[in-house]
Amino acid sequence: MSGQSFTDGLVTALGVIGGKWKPLIIAELHRRPRRFGELRRALPGVSEKVLSQQLREMELDGVVDREVCLSIPPRAVQYSLTELGLTLHESLLPLAAWGELHELRMLAPSG
């Protein structure tokens, strides 16, 4: 992979997962499909507006699928990862592992 294609690919990937909440939304949806309210409860601190915006952006990027459920409550919406979203989740696993190691390193006493 050339330096330019690495940079271009990284810019594209960061555009899809950029922001505090998108990777966390992906992780939650990887566990199982969720309705909006379930996602909001699973992500303490996210506002309804931000969650809605992030889901809409990820839907446009082809990472999240939005399905209107014909159940009770009427017109409830369920979100799930697409095949592309599943591959994105897999690509985030090494980054999460790196973050855990970095956190442990930062917490370790120096000396």
PDB file of N, CA and C in Angstrom:
ATOM      1  N   MET A   1       0.848  -1.178   0.000  1.00  0.00           N
ATOM      2  CA  MET A   1       0.000   0.000   0.000  1.00  0.00           C
ATOM      3  C   MET A   1       0.891   1.237   0.000  1.00  0.00           C
ATOM      4  N   SER A   2       0.659   2.103  -0.931  1.00  0.00           N
ATOM      5  CA  SER A   2       1.481   3.309  -1.022  1.00  0.00           C
ATOM      6  C   SER A   2       1.085   4.293   0.078  1.00  0.00           C
ATOM      7  N   GLY A   3       1.974   5.224   0.347  1.00  0.00           N
ATOM      8  CA  GLY A   3       1.717   6.232   1.371  1.00  0.00           C
ATOM      9  C   GLY A   3       0.464   7.038   1.089  1.00  0.00           C
ATOM     10  N   GLN A   4       0.255   7.371  -0.182  1.00  0.00           N
ATOM     11  CA  GLN A   4      -0.913   8.169  -0.542  1.00  0.00           C
ATOM     12  C   GLN A   4      -2.201   7.381  -0.364  1.00  0.00           C
ATOM     13  N   SER A   5      -2.220   6.093  -0.760  1.00  0.00           N
ATOM     14  CA  SER A   5      -3.444   5.304  -0.608  1.00  0.00           C
ATOM     15  C   SER A   5      -3.730   5.039   0.870  1.00  0.00           C
ATOM     16  N   PHE A   6      -2.654   4.891   1.680  1.00  0.00           N
ATOM     17  CA  PHE A   6      -2.842   4.742   3.127  1.00  0.00           C
ATOM     18  C   PHE A   6      -3.517   5.986   3.686  1.00  0.00           C
ATOM     19  N   THR A   7      -3.004   7.149   3.306  1.00  0.00           N
ATOM     20  CA  THR A   7      -3.566   8.415   3.784  1.00  0.00           C
ATOM     21  C   THR A   7      -5.003   8.574   3.324  1.00  0.00           C
ATOM     22  N   ASP A   8      -5.256   8.304   2.047  1.00  0.00           N
ATOM     23  CA  ASP A   8      -6.612   8.429   1.524  1.00  0.00           C
ATOM     24  C   ASP A   8      -7.571   7.475   2.230  1.00  0.00           C
ATOM     25  N   GLY A   9      -7.122   6.231   2.427  1.00  0.00           N
ATOM     26  CA  GLY A   9      -7.962   5.255   3.110  1.00  0.00           C
ATOM     27  C   GLY A   9      -8.237   5.641   4.545  1.00  0.00           C
ATOM     28  N   LEU A  10      -7.217   6.167   5.209  1.00  0.00           N
ATOM     29  CA  LEU A  10      -7.384   6.592   6.596  1.00  0.00           C
ATOM     30  C   LEU A  10      -8.350   7.765   6.705  1.00  0.00           C
ATOM     31  N   VAL A  11      -8.229   8.719   5.811  1.00  0.00           N
ATOM     32  CA  VAL A  11      -9.140   9.869   5.804  1.00  0.00           C
ATOM     33  C   VAL A  11     -10.582   9.395   5.600  1.00  0.00           C
ATOM     34  N   THR A  12     -10.772   8.472   4.675  1.00  0.00           N
ATOM     35  CA  THR A  12     -12.116   7.943   4.424  1.00  0.00           C
ATOM     36  C   THR A  12     -12.655   7.216   5.654  1.00  0.00           C
ATOM     37  N   ALA A  13     -11.838   6.347   6.243  1.00  0.00           N
ATOM     38  CA  ALA A  13     -12.271   5.577   7.419  1.00  0.00           C
ATOM     39  C   ALA A  13     -12.606   6.498   8.586  1.00  0.00           C
ATOM     40  N   LEU A  14     -11.747   7.484   8.830  1.00  0.00           N
ATOM     41  CA  LEU A  14     -12.005   8.405   9.935  1.00  0.00           C
ATOM     42  C   LEU A  14     -13.248   9.256   9.688  1.00  0.00           C
ATOM     43  N   GLY A  15     -13.551   9.509   8.435  1.00  0.00           N
ATOM     44  CA  GLY A  15     -14.789  10.215   8.113  1.00  0.00           C
ATOM     45  C   GLY A  15     -16.016   9.412   8.489  1.00  0.00           C
ATOM     46  N   VAL A  16     -15.920   8.102   8.384  1.00  0.00           N
ATOM     47  CA  VAL A  16     -17.047   7.227   8.708  1.00  0.00           C
ATOM     48  C   VAL A  16     -17.170   7.024  10.216  1.00  0.00           C
ATOM     49  N   ILE A  17     -16.043   6.901  10.924  1.00  0.00           N
ATOM     50  CA  ILE A  17     -16.113   6.621  12.366  1.00  0.00           C
ATOM     51  C   ILE A  17     -15.807   7.836  13.223  1.00  0.00           C
ATOM     52  N   GLY A  18     -15.591   8.988  12.586  1.00  0.00           N
ATOM     53  CA  GLY A  18     -15.213  10.183  13.331  1.00  0.00           C
ATOM     54  C   GLY A  18     -16.238  10.566  14.376  1.00  0.00           C
ATOM     55  N   GLY A  19     -15.748  11.051  15.477  1.00  0.00           N
ATOM     56  CA  GLY A  19     -16.609  11.469  16.573  1.00  0.00           C
ATOM     57  C   GLY A  19     -16.570  10.469  17.714  1.00  0.00           C
ATOM     58  N   LYS A  20     -17.014  10.922  18.848  1.00  0.00           N
ATOM     59  CA  LYS A  20     -16.953  10.114  20.063  1.00  0.00           C
ATOM     60  C   LYS A  20     -17.902   8.929  20.040  1.00  0.00           C
ATOM     61  N   TRP A  21     -19.052   9.074  19.416  1.00  0.00           N
ATOM     62  CA  TRP A  21     -20.118   8.095  19.585  1.00  0.00           C
ATOM     63  C   TRP A  21     -20.168   7.010  18.528  1.00  0.00           C
ATOM     64  N   LYS A  22     -19.701   7.253  17.332  1.00  0.00           N
ATOM     65  CA  LYS A  22     -19.862   6.268  16.257  1.00  0.00           C
ATOM     66  C   LYS A  22     -19.231   4.916  16.573  1.00  0.00           C
ATOM     67  N   PRO A  23     -17.986   4.849  17.041  1.00  0.00           N
ATOM     68  CA  PRO A  23     -17.441   3.531  17.375  1.00  0.00           C
ATOM     69  C   PRO A  23     -18.228   2.835  18.485  1.00  0.00           C
ATOM     70  N   LEU A  24     -18.741   3.608  19.437  1.00  0.00           N
ATOM     71  CA  LEU A  24     -19.528   3.021  20.523  1.00  0.00           C
ATOM     72  C   LEU A  24     -20.885   2.517  20.019  1.00  0.00           C
ATOM     73  N   ILE A  25     -21.475   3.233  19.087  1.00  0.00           N
ATOM     74  CA  ILE A  25     -22.726   2.778  18.464  1.00  0.00           C
ATOM     75  C   ILE A  25     -22.481   1.483  17.708  1.00  0.00           C
ATOM     76  N   ILE A  26     -21.385   1.434  16.963  1.00  0.00           N
ATOM     77  CA  ILE A  26     -21.036   0.225  16.216  1.00  0.00           C
ATOM     78  C   ILE A  26     -20.866  -0.953  17.161  1.00  0.00           C
ATOM     79  N   ALA A  27     -20.193  -0.731  18.283  1.00  0.00           N
ATOM     80  CA  ALA A  27     -19.984  -1.808  19.259  1.00  0.00           C
ATOM     81  C   ALA A  27     -21.316  -2.306  19.822  1.00  0.00           C
ATOM     82  N   GLU A  28     -22.222  -1.394  20.121  1.00  0.00           N
ATOM     83  CA  GLU A  28     -23.531  -1.789  20.659  1.00  0.00           C
ATOM     84  C   GLU A  28     -24.346  -2.554  19.623  1.00  0.00           C
ATOM     85  N   LEU A  29     -24.321  -2.086  18.392  1.00  0.00           N
ATOM     86  CA  LEU A  29     -25.096  -2.764  17.345  1.00  0.00           C
ATOM     87  C   LEU A  29     -24.470  -4.097  16.964  1.00  0.00           C
ATOM     88  N   HIS A  30     -23.175  -4.264  17.228  1.00  0.00           N
ATOM     89  CA  HIS A  30     -22.549  -5.553  16.965  1.00  0.00           C
ATOM     90  C   HIS A  30     -23.091  -6.612  17.924  1.00  0.00           C
ATOM     91  N   ARG A  31     -23.429  -6.198  19.134  1.00  0.00           N
ATOM     92  CA  ARG A  31     -23.988  -7.139  20.112  1.00  0.00           C
ATOM     93  C   ARG A  31     -25.330  -7.689  19.633  1.00  0.00           C
ATOM     94  N   ARG A  32     -26.173  -6.757  19.133  1.00  0.00           N
ATOM     95  CA  ARG A  32     -27.476  -7.139  18.588  1.00  0.00           C
ATOM     96  C   ARG A  32     -28.160  -5.897  18.029  1.00  0.00           C
ATOM     97  N   PRO A  33     -29.115  -6.082  17.117  1.00  0.00           N
ATOM     98  CA  PRO A  33     -29.894  -4.932  16.633  1.00  0.00           C
ATOM     99  C   PRO A  33     -30.614  -4.270  17.813  1.00  0.00           C
ATOM    100  N   ARG A  34     -30.788  -2.972  17.711  1.00  0.00           N
ATOM    101  CA  ARG A  34     -31.406  -2.225  18.810  1.00  0.00           C
ATOM    102  C   ARG A  34     -32.359  -1.167  18.288  1.00  0.00           C
ATOM    103  N   ARG A  35     -33.353  -0.899  19.092  1.00  0.00           N
ATOM    104  CA  ARG A  35     -34.221   0.249  18.830  1.00  0.00           C
ATOM    105  C   ARG A  35     -33.520   1.497  19.347  1.00  0.00           C
ATOM    106  N   PHE A  36     -34.009   2.633  18.904  1.00  0.00           N
ATOM    107  CA  PHE A  36     -33.382   3.904  19.247  1.00  0.00           C
ATOM    108  C   PHE A  36     -33.271   4.079  20.759  1.00  0.00           C
ATOM    109  N   GLY A  37     -34.352   3.849  21.473  1.00  0.00           N
ATOM    110  CA  GLY A  37     -34.351   4.023  22.926  1.00  0.00           C
ATOM    111  C   GLY A  37     -33.380   3.093  23.627  1.00  0.00           C
ATOM    112  N   GLU A  38     -33.255   1.874  23.132  1.00  0.00           N
ATOM    113  CA  GLU A  38     -32.299   0.921  23.709  1.00  0.00           C
ATOM    114  C   GLU A  38     -30.865   1.428  23.522  1.00  0.00           C
ATOM    115  N   LEU A  39     -30.603   1.929  22.329  1.00  0.00           N
ATOM    116  CA  LEU A  39     -29.266   2.476  22.060  1.00  0.00           C
ATOM    117  C   LEU A  39     -28.968   3.656  22.976  1.00  0.00           C
ATOM    118  N   ARG A  40     -29.947   4.508  23.134  1.00  0.00           N
ATOM    119  CA  ARG A  40     -29.741   5.703  23.967  1.00  0.00           C
ATOM    120  C   ARG A  40     -29.432   5.297  25.403  1.00  0.00           C
ATOM    121  N   ARG A  41     -30.154   4.302  25.921  1.00  0.00           N
ATOM    122  CA  ARG A  41     -29.900   3.841  27.294  1.00  0.00           C
ATOM    123  C   ARG A  41     -28.540   3.148  27.413  1.00  0.00           C
ATOM    124  N   ALA A  42     -28.114   2.501  26.347  1.00  0.00           N
ATOM    125  CA  ALA A  42     -26.827   1.778  26.365  1.00  0.00           C
ATOM    126  C   ALA A  42     -25.637   2.730  26.270  1.00  0.00           C
ATOM    127  N   LEU A  43     -25.890   3.969  25.866  1.00  0.00           N
ATOM    128  CA  LEU A  43     -24.828   4.958  25.688  1.00  0.00           C
ATOM    129  C   LEU A  43     -25.085   6.184  26.561  1.00  0.00           C
ATOM    130  N   PRO A  44     -24.886   6.050  27.870  1.00  0.00           N
ATOM    131  CA  PRO A  44     -25.151   7.185  28.756  1.00  0.00           C
ATOM    132  C   PRO A  44     -24.333   8.400  28.345  1.00  0.00           C
ATOM    133  N   GLY A  45     -24.987   9.534  28.309  1.00  0.00           N
ATOM    134  CA  GLY A  45     -24.301  10.771  27.964  1.00  0.00           C
ATOM    135  C   GLY A  45     -24.566  11.252  26.556  1.00  0.00           C
ATOM    136  N   VAL A  46     -25.032  10.376  25.682  1.00  0.00           N
ATOM    137  CA  VAL A  46     -25.326  10.816  24.318  1.00  0.00           C
ATOM    138  C   VAL A  46     -26.709  11.468  24.304  1.00  0.00           C
ATOM    139  N   SER A  47     -26.817  12.588  23.631  1.00  0.00           N
ATOM    140  CA  SER A  47     -28.116  13.251  23.515  1.00  0.00           C
ATOM    141  C   SER A  47     -28.911  12.600  22.389  1.00  0.00           C
ATOM    142  N   GLU A  48     -30.218  12.765  22.457  1.00  0.00           N
ATOM    143  CA  GLU A  48     -31.095  12.217  21.422  1.00  0.00           C
ATOM    144  C   GLU A  48     -30.729  12.797  20.055  1.00  0.00           C
ATOM    145  N   LYS A  49     -30.455  14.091  20.026  1.00  0.00           N
ATOM    146  CA  LYS A  49     -30.121  14.766  18.775  1.00  0.00           C
ATOM    147  C   LYS A  49     -28.832  14.203  18.165  1.00  0.00           C
ATOM    148  N   VAL A  50     -27.797  14.046  18.984  1.00  0.00           N
ATOM    149  CA  VAL A  50     -26.514  13.555  18.486  1.00  0.00           C
ATOM    150  C   VAL A  50     -26.637  12.103  18.040  1.00  0.00           C
ATOM    151  N   LEU A  51     -27.324  11.276  18.823  1.00  0.00           N
ATOM    152  CA  LEU A  51     -27.496   9.875  18.451  1.00  0.00           C
ATOM    153  C   LEU A  51     -28.234   9.762  17.120  1.00  0.00           C
ATOM    154  N   SER A  52     -29.280  10.524  16.974  1.00  0.00           N
ATOM    155  CA  SER A  52     -30.047  10.508  15.735  1.00  0.00           C
ATOM    156  C   SER A  52     -29.185  10.935  14.547  1.00  0.00           C
ATOM    157  N   GLN A  53     -28.412  11.990  14.741  1.00  0.00           N
ATOM    158  CA  GLN A  53     -27.544  12.495  13.668  1.00  0.00           C
ATOM    159  C   GLN A  53     -26.471  11.466  13.297  1.00  0.00           C
ATOM    160  N   GLN A  54     -25.851  10.862  14.305  1.00  0.00           N
ATOM    161  CA  GLN A  54     -24.786   9.897  14.043  1.00  0.00           C
ATOM    162  C   GLN A  54     -25.345   8.659  13.335  1.00  0.00           C
ATOM    163  N   LEU A  55     -26.509   8.189  13.748  1.00  0.00           N
ATOM    164  CA  LEU A  55     -27.140   7.041  13.089  1.00  0.00           C
ATOM    165  C   LEU A  55     -27.468   7.365  11.637  1.00  0.00           C
ATOM    166  N   ARG A  56     -27.976   8.556  11.407  1.00  0.00           N
ATOM    167  CA  ARG A  56     -28.321   8.970  10.037  1.00  0.00           C
ATOM    168  C   ARG A  56     -27.066   9.008   9.162  1.00  0.00           C
ATOM    169  N   GLU A  57     -25.968   9.550   9.697  1.00  0.00           N
ATOM    170  CA  GLU A  57     -24.724   9.615   8.933  1.00  0.00           C
ATOM    171  C   GLU A  57     -24.197   8.213   8.639  1.00  0.00           C
ATOM    172  N   MET A  58     -24.270   7.320   9.617  1.00  0.00           N
ATOM    173  CA  MET A  58     -23.769   5.962   9.399  1.00  0.00           C
ATOM    174  C   MET A  58     -24.670   5.193   8.441  1.00  0.00           C
ATOM    175  N   GLU A  59     -25.945   5.518   8.433  1.00  0.00           N
ATOM    176  CA  GLU A  59     -26.849   4.908   7.452  1.00  0.00           C
ATOM    177  C   GLU A  59     -26.468   5.368   6.040  1.00  0.00           C
ATOM    178  N   LEU A  60     -26.188   6.643   5.881  1.00  0.00           N
ATOM    179  CA  LEU A  60     -25.772   7.174   4.578  1.00  0.00           C
ATOM    180  C   LEU A  60     -24.442   6.582   4.123  1.00  0.00           C
ATOM    181  N   ASP A  61     -23.564   6.261   5.078  1.00  0.00           N
ATOM    182  CA  ASP A  61     -22.267   5.652   4.758  1.00  0.00           C
ATOM    183  C   ASP A  61     -22.377   4.149   4.511  1.00  0.00           C
ATOM    184  N   GLY A  62     -23.571   3.585   4.691  1.00  0.00           N
ATOM    185  CA  GLY A  62     -23.777   2.165   4.424  1.00  0.00           C
ATOM    186  C   GLY A  62     -23.329   1.239   5.531  1.00  0.00           C
ATOM    187  N   VAL A  63     -23.130   1.794   6.728  1.00  0.00           N
ATOM    188  CA  VAL A  63     -22.631   1.017   7.864  1.00  0.00           C
ATOM    189  C   VAL A  63     -23.783   0.500   8.732  1.00  0.00           C
ATOM    190  N   VAL A  64     -24.855   1.268   8.790  1.00  0.00           N
ATOM    191  CA  VAL A  64     -26.005   0.944   9.636  1.00  0.00           C
ATOM    192  C   VAL A  64     -27.249   0.821   8.770  1.00  0.00           C
ATOM    193  N   ASP A  65     -28.079  -0.154   9.120  1.00  0.00           N
ATOM    194  CA  ASP A  65     -29.375  -0.345   8.453  1.00  0.00           C
ATOM    195  C   ASP A  65     -30.468   0.115   9.396  1.00  0.00           C
ATOM    196  N   ARG A  66     -31.412   0.853   8.865  1.00  0.00           N
ATOM    197  CA  ARG A  66     -32.559   1.349   9.630  1.00  0.00           C
ATOM    198  C   ARG A  66     -33.802   0.650   9.110  1.00  0.00           C
ATOM    199  N   GLU A  67     -34.475  -0.078   9.994  1.00  0.00           N
ATOM    200  CA  GLU A  67     -35.657  -0.831   9.593  1.00  0.00           C
ATOM    201  C   GLU A  67     -36.856  -0.387  10.424  1.00  0.00           C
ATOM    202  N   VAL A  68     -37.929  -0.010   9.735  1.00  0.00           N
ATOM    203  CA  VAL A  68     -39.161   0.357  10.425  1.00  0.00           C
ATOM    204  C   VAL A  68     -39.905  -0.928  10.745  1.00  0.00           C
ATOM    205  N   CYS A  69     -40.172  -1.148  12.027  1.00  0.00           N
ATOM    206  CA  CYS A  69     -40.833  -2.367  12.490  1.00  0.00           C
ATOM    207  C   CYS A  69     -42.331  -2.133  12.588  1.00  0.00           C
ATOM    208  N   LEU A  70     -43.086  -3.040  12.047  1.00  0.00           N
ATOM    209  CA  LEU A  70     -44.538  -2.946  12.126  1.00  0.00           C
ATOM    210  C   LEU A  70     -45.000  -3.687  13.377  1.00  0.00           C
ATOM    211  N   SER A  71     -44.706  -3.097  14.517  1.00  0.00           N
ATOM    212  CA  SER A  71     -45.034  -3.727  15.788  1.00  0.00           C
ATOM    213  C   SER A  71     -45.461  -2.653  16.772  1.00  0.00           C
ATOM    214  N   ILE A  72     -45.528  -3.040  18.009  1.00  0.00           N
ATOM    215  CA  ILE A  72     -45.892  -2.098  19.053  1.00  0.00           C
ATOM    216  C   ILE A  72     -44.614  -1.701  19.768  1.00  0.00           C
ATOM    217  N   PRO A  73     -44.281  -0.435  19.942  1.00  0.00           N
ATOM    218  CA  PRO A  73     -45.074   0.710  19.496  1.00  0.00           C
ATOM    219  C   PRO A  73     -45.055   0.834  17.972  1.00  0.00           C
ATOM    220  N   PRO A  74     -46.120   1.398  17.435  1.00  0.00           N
ATOM    221  CA  PRO A  74     -46.203   1.528  15.976  1.00  0.00           C
ATOM    222  C   PRO A  74     -45.029   2.337  15.421  1.00  0.00           C
ATOM    223  N   ARG A  75     -44.552   1.905  14.286  1.00  0.00           N
ATOM    224  CA  ARG A  75     -43.476   2.588  13.564  1.00  0.00           C
ATOM    225  C   ARG A  75     -42.188   2.678  14.372  1.00  0.00           C
ATOM    226  N   ALA A  76     -41.973   1.718  15.238  1.00  0.00           N
ATOM    227  CA  ALA A  76     -40.694   1.674  15.941  1.00  0.00           C
ATOM    228  C   ALA A  76     -39.603   1.396  14.916  1.00  0.00           C
ATOM    229  N   VAL A  77     -38.427   1.914  15.174  1.00  0.00           N
ATOM    230  CA  VAL A  77     -37.301   1.762  14.260  1.00  0.00           C
ATOM    231  C   VAL A  77     -36.222   0.929  14.941  1.00  0.00           C
ATOM    232  N   GLN A  78     -35.694  -0.019  14.201  1.00  0.00           N
ATOM    233  CA  GLN A  78     -34.611  -0.857  14.712  1.00  0.00           C
ATOM    234  C   GLN A  78     -33.383  -0.641  13.849  1.00  0.00           C
ATOM    235  N   TYR A  79     -32.243  -0.532  14.509  1.00  0.00           N
ATOM    236  CA  TYR A  79     -30.977  -0.330  13.820  1.00  0.00           C
ATOM    237  C   TYR A  79     -30.113  -1.576  13.949  1.00  0.00           C
ATOM    238  N   SER A  80     -29.377  -1.871  12.894  1.00  0.00           N
ATOM    239  CA  SER A  80     -28.454  -3.005  12.902  1.00  0.00           C
ATOM    240  C   SER A  80     -27.273  -2.652  12.007  1.00  0.00           C
ATOM    241  N   LEU A  81     -26.215  -3.445  12.134  1.00  0.00           N
ATOM    242  CA  LEU A  81     -25.054  -3.248  11.274  1.00  0.00           C
ATOM    243  C   LEU A  81     -25.280  -3.940   9.937  1.00  0.00           C
ATOM    244  N   THR A  82     -24.840  -3.312   8.879  1.00  0.00           N
ATOM    245  CA  THR A  82     -24.838  -3.928   7.561  1.00  0.00           C
ATOM    246  C   THR A  82     -23.597  -4.827   7.464  1.00  0.00           C
ATOM    247  N   GLU A  83     -23.455  -5.518   6.354  1.00  0.00           N
ATOM    248  CA  GLU A  83     -22.242  -6.312   6.141  1.00  0.00           C
ATOM    249  C   GLU A  83     -21.004  -5.413   6.210  1.00  0.00           C
ATOM    250  N   LEU A  84     -21.104  -4.229   5.629  1.00  0.00           N
ATOM    251  CA  LEU A  84     -20.002  -3.270   5.682  1.00  0.00           C
ATOM    252  C   LEU A  84     -19.740  -2.847   7.126  1.00  0.00           C
ATOM    253  N   GLY A  85     -20.801  -2.651   7.889  1.00  0.00           N
ATOM    254  CA  GLY A  85     -20.661  -2.295   9.298  1.00  0.00           C
ATOM    255  C   GLY A  85     -19.985  -3.388  10.100  1.00  0.00           C
ATOM    256  N   LEU A  86     -20.281  -4.639   9.771  1.00  0.00           N
ATOM    257  CA  LEU A  86     -19.633  -5.762  10.458  1.00  0.00           C
ATOM    258  C   LEU A  86     -18.135  -5.773  10.174  1.00  0.00           C
ATOM    259  N   THR A  87     -17.747  -5.486   8.937  1.00  0.00           N
ATOM    260  CA  THR A  87     -16.318  -5.450   8.618  1.00  0.00           C
ATOM    261  C   THR A  87     -15.648  -4.257   9.303  1.00  0.00           C
ATOM    262  N   LEU A  88     -16.376  -3.156   9.437  1.00  0.00           N
ATOM    263  CA  LEU A  88     -15.836  -1.992  10.142  1.00  0.00           C
ATOM    264  C   LEU A  88     -15.622  -2.331  11.615  1.00  0.00           C
ATOM    265  N   HIS A  89     -16.579  -3.031  12.218  1.00  0.00           N
ATOM    266  CA  HIS A  89     -16.421  -3.451  13.614  1.00  0.00           C
ATOM    267  C   HIS A  89     -15.157  -4.287  13.773  1.00  0.00           C
ATOM    268  N   GLU A  90     -14.948  -5.227  12.869  1.00  0.00           N
ATOM    269  CA  GLU A  90     -13.754  -6.078  12.937  1.00  0.00           C
ATOM    270  C   GLU A  90     -12.475  -5.243  12.838  1.00  0.00           C
ATOM    271  N   SER A  91     -12.506  -4.203  12.028  1.00  0.00           N
ATOM    272  CA  SER A  91     -11.310  -3.373  11.875  1.00  0.00           C
ATOM    273  C   SER A  91     -11.066  -2.495  13.096  1.00  0.00           C
ATOM    274  N   LEU A  92     -12.082  -2.272  13.905  1.00  0.00           N
ATOM    275  CA  LEU A  92     -11.919  -1.469  15.120  1.00  0.00           C
ATOM    276  C   LEU A  92     -11.351  -2.270  16.286  1.00  0.00           C
ATOM    277  N   LEU A  93     -11.421  -3.599  16.223  1.00  0.00           N
ATOM    278  CA  LEU A  93     -10.938  -4.430  17.326  1.00  0.00           C
ATOM    279  C   LEU A  93      -9.457  -4.203  17.643  1.00  0.00           C
ATOM    280  N   PRO A  94      -8.559  -4.166  16.645  1.00  0.00           N
ATOM    281  CA  PRO A  94      -7.148  -3.890  16.975  1.00  0.00           C
ATOM    282  C   PRO A  94      -6.953  -2.500  17.592  1.00  0.00           C
ATOM    283  N   LEU A  95      -7.734  -1.525  17.158  1.00  0.00           N
ATOM    284  CA  LEU A  95      -7.633  -0.183  17.725  1.00  0.00           C
ATOM    285  C   LEU A  95      -8.074  -0.190  19.189  1.00  0.00           C
ATOM    286  N   ALA A  96      -9.141  -0.923  19.492  1.00  0.00           N
ATOM    287  CA  ALA A  96      -9.596  -1.037  20.878  1.00  0.00           C
ATOM    288  C   ALA A  96      -8.549  -1.736  21.740  1.00  0.00           C
ATOM    289  N   ALA A  97      -7.926  -2.766  21.204  1.00  0.00           N
ATOM    290  CA  ALA A  97      -6.873  -3.470  21.945  1.00  0.00           C
ATOM    291  C   ALA A  97      -5.690  -2.540  22.203  1.00  0.00           C
ATOM    292  N   TRP A  98      -5.318  -1.755  21.214  1.00  0.00           N
ATOM    293  CA  TRP A  98      -4.250  -0.788  21.389  1.00  0.00           C
ATOM    294  C   TRP A  98      -4.614   0.213  22.483  1.00  0.00           C
ATOM    295  N   GLY A  99      -5.860   0.684  22.480  1.00  0.00           N
ATOM    296  CA  GLY A  99      -6.315   1.633  23.494  1.00  0.00           C
ATOM    297  C   GLY A  99      -6.232   1.064  24.901  1.00  0.00           C
ATOM    298  N   GLU A 100      -6.585  -0.209  25.056  1.00  0.00           N
ATOM    299  CA  GLU A 100      -6.491  -0.853  26.367  1.00  0.00           C
ATOM    300  C   GLU A 100      -5.036  -0.910  26.833  1.00  0.00           C
ATOM    301  N   LEU A 101      -4.129  -1.303  25.938  1.00  0.00           N
ATOM    302  CA  LEU A 101      -2.709  -1.364  26.300  1.00  0.00           C
ATOM    303  C   LEU A 101      -2.156   0.018  26.645  1.00  0.00           C
ATOM    304  N   HIS A 102      -2.550   0.999  25.876  1.00  0.00           N
ATOM    305  CA  HIS A 102      -2.090   2.362  26.119  1.00  0.00           C
ATOM    306  C   HIS A 102      -2.585   2.853  27.474  1.00  0.00           C
ATOM    307  N   GLU A 103      -3.838   2.580  27.781  1.00  0.00           N
ATOM    308  CA  GLU A 103      -4.400   3.004  29.068  1.00  0.00           C
ATOM    309  C   GLU A 103      -3.640   2.353  30.228  1.00  0.00           C
ATOM    310  N   LEU A 104      -3.340   1.044  30.106  1.00  0.00           N
ATOM    311  CA  LEU A 104      -2.592   0.352  31.144  1.00  0.00           C
ATOM    312  C   LEU A 104      -1.197   0.961  31.300  1.00  0.00           C
ATOM    313  N   ARG A 105      -0.574   1.287  30.171  1.00  0.00           N
ATOM    314  CA  ARG A 105       0.753   1.895  30.195  1.00  0.00           C
ATOM    315  C   ARG A 105       0.724   3.249  30.889  1.00  0.00           C
ATOM    316  N   MET A 106      -0.312   4.010  30.623  1.00  0.00           N
ATOM    317  CA  MET A 106      -0.419   5.337  31.217  1.00  0.00           C
ATOM    318  C   MET A 106      -0.708   5.266  32.712  1.00  0.00           C
ATOM    319  N   LEU A 107      -1.387   4.191  33.144  1.00  0.00           N
ATOM    320  CA  LEU A 107      -1.723   4.045  34.554  1.00  0.00           C
ATOM    321  C   LEU A 107      -0.589   3.412  35.364  1.00  0.00           C
ATOM    322  N   ALA A 108       0.343   2.766  34.666  1.00  0.00           N
ATOM    323  CA  ALA A 108       1.453   2.084  35.353  1.00  0.00           C
ATOM    324  C   ALA A 108       2.377   3.138  35.972  1.00  0.00           C
ATOM    325  N   PRO A 109       2.844   2.826  37.181  1.00  0.00           N
ATOM    326  CA  PRO A 109       3.802   3.766  37.800  1.00  0.00           C
ATOM    327  C   PRO A 109       5.088   3.826  36.993  1.00  0.00           C
ATOM    328  N   SER A 110       5.582   5.007  36.815  1.00  0.00           N
ATOM    329  CA  SER A 110       6.832   5.152  36.058  1.00  0.00           C
ATOM    330  C   SER A 110       8.006   4.970  37.010  1.00  0.00           C
ATOM    331  N   GLY A 111       9.062   4.525  36.454  1.00  0.00           N
ATOM    332  CA  GLY A 111      10.186   4.441  37.339  1.00  0.00           C
ATOM    333  C   GLY A 111      11.178   3.476  36.953  1.00  0.00           C
TER     334      GLY A 111
END
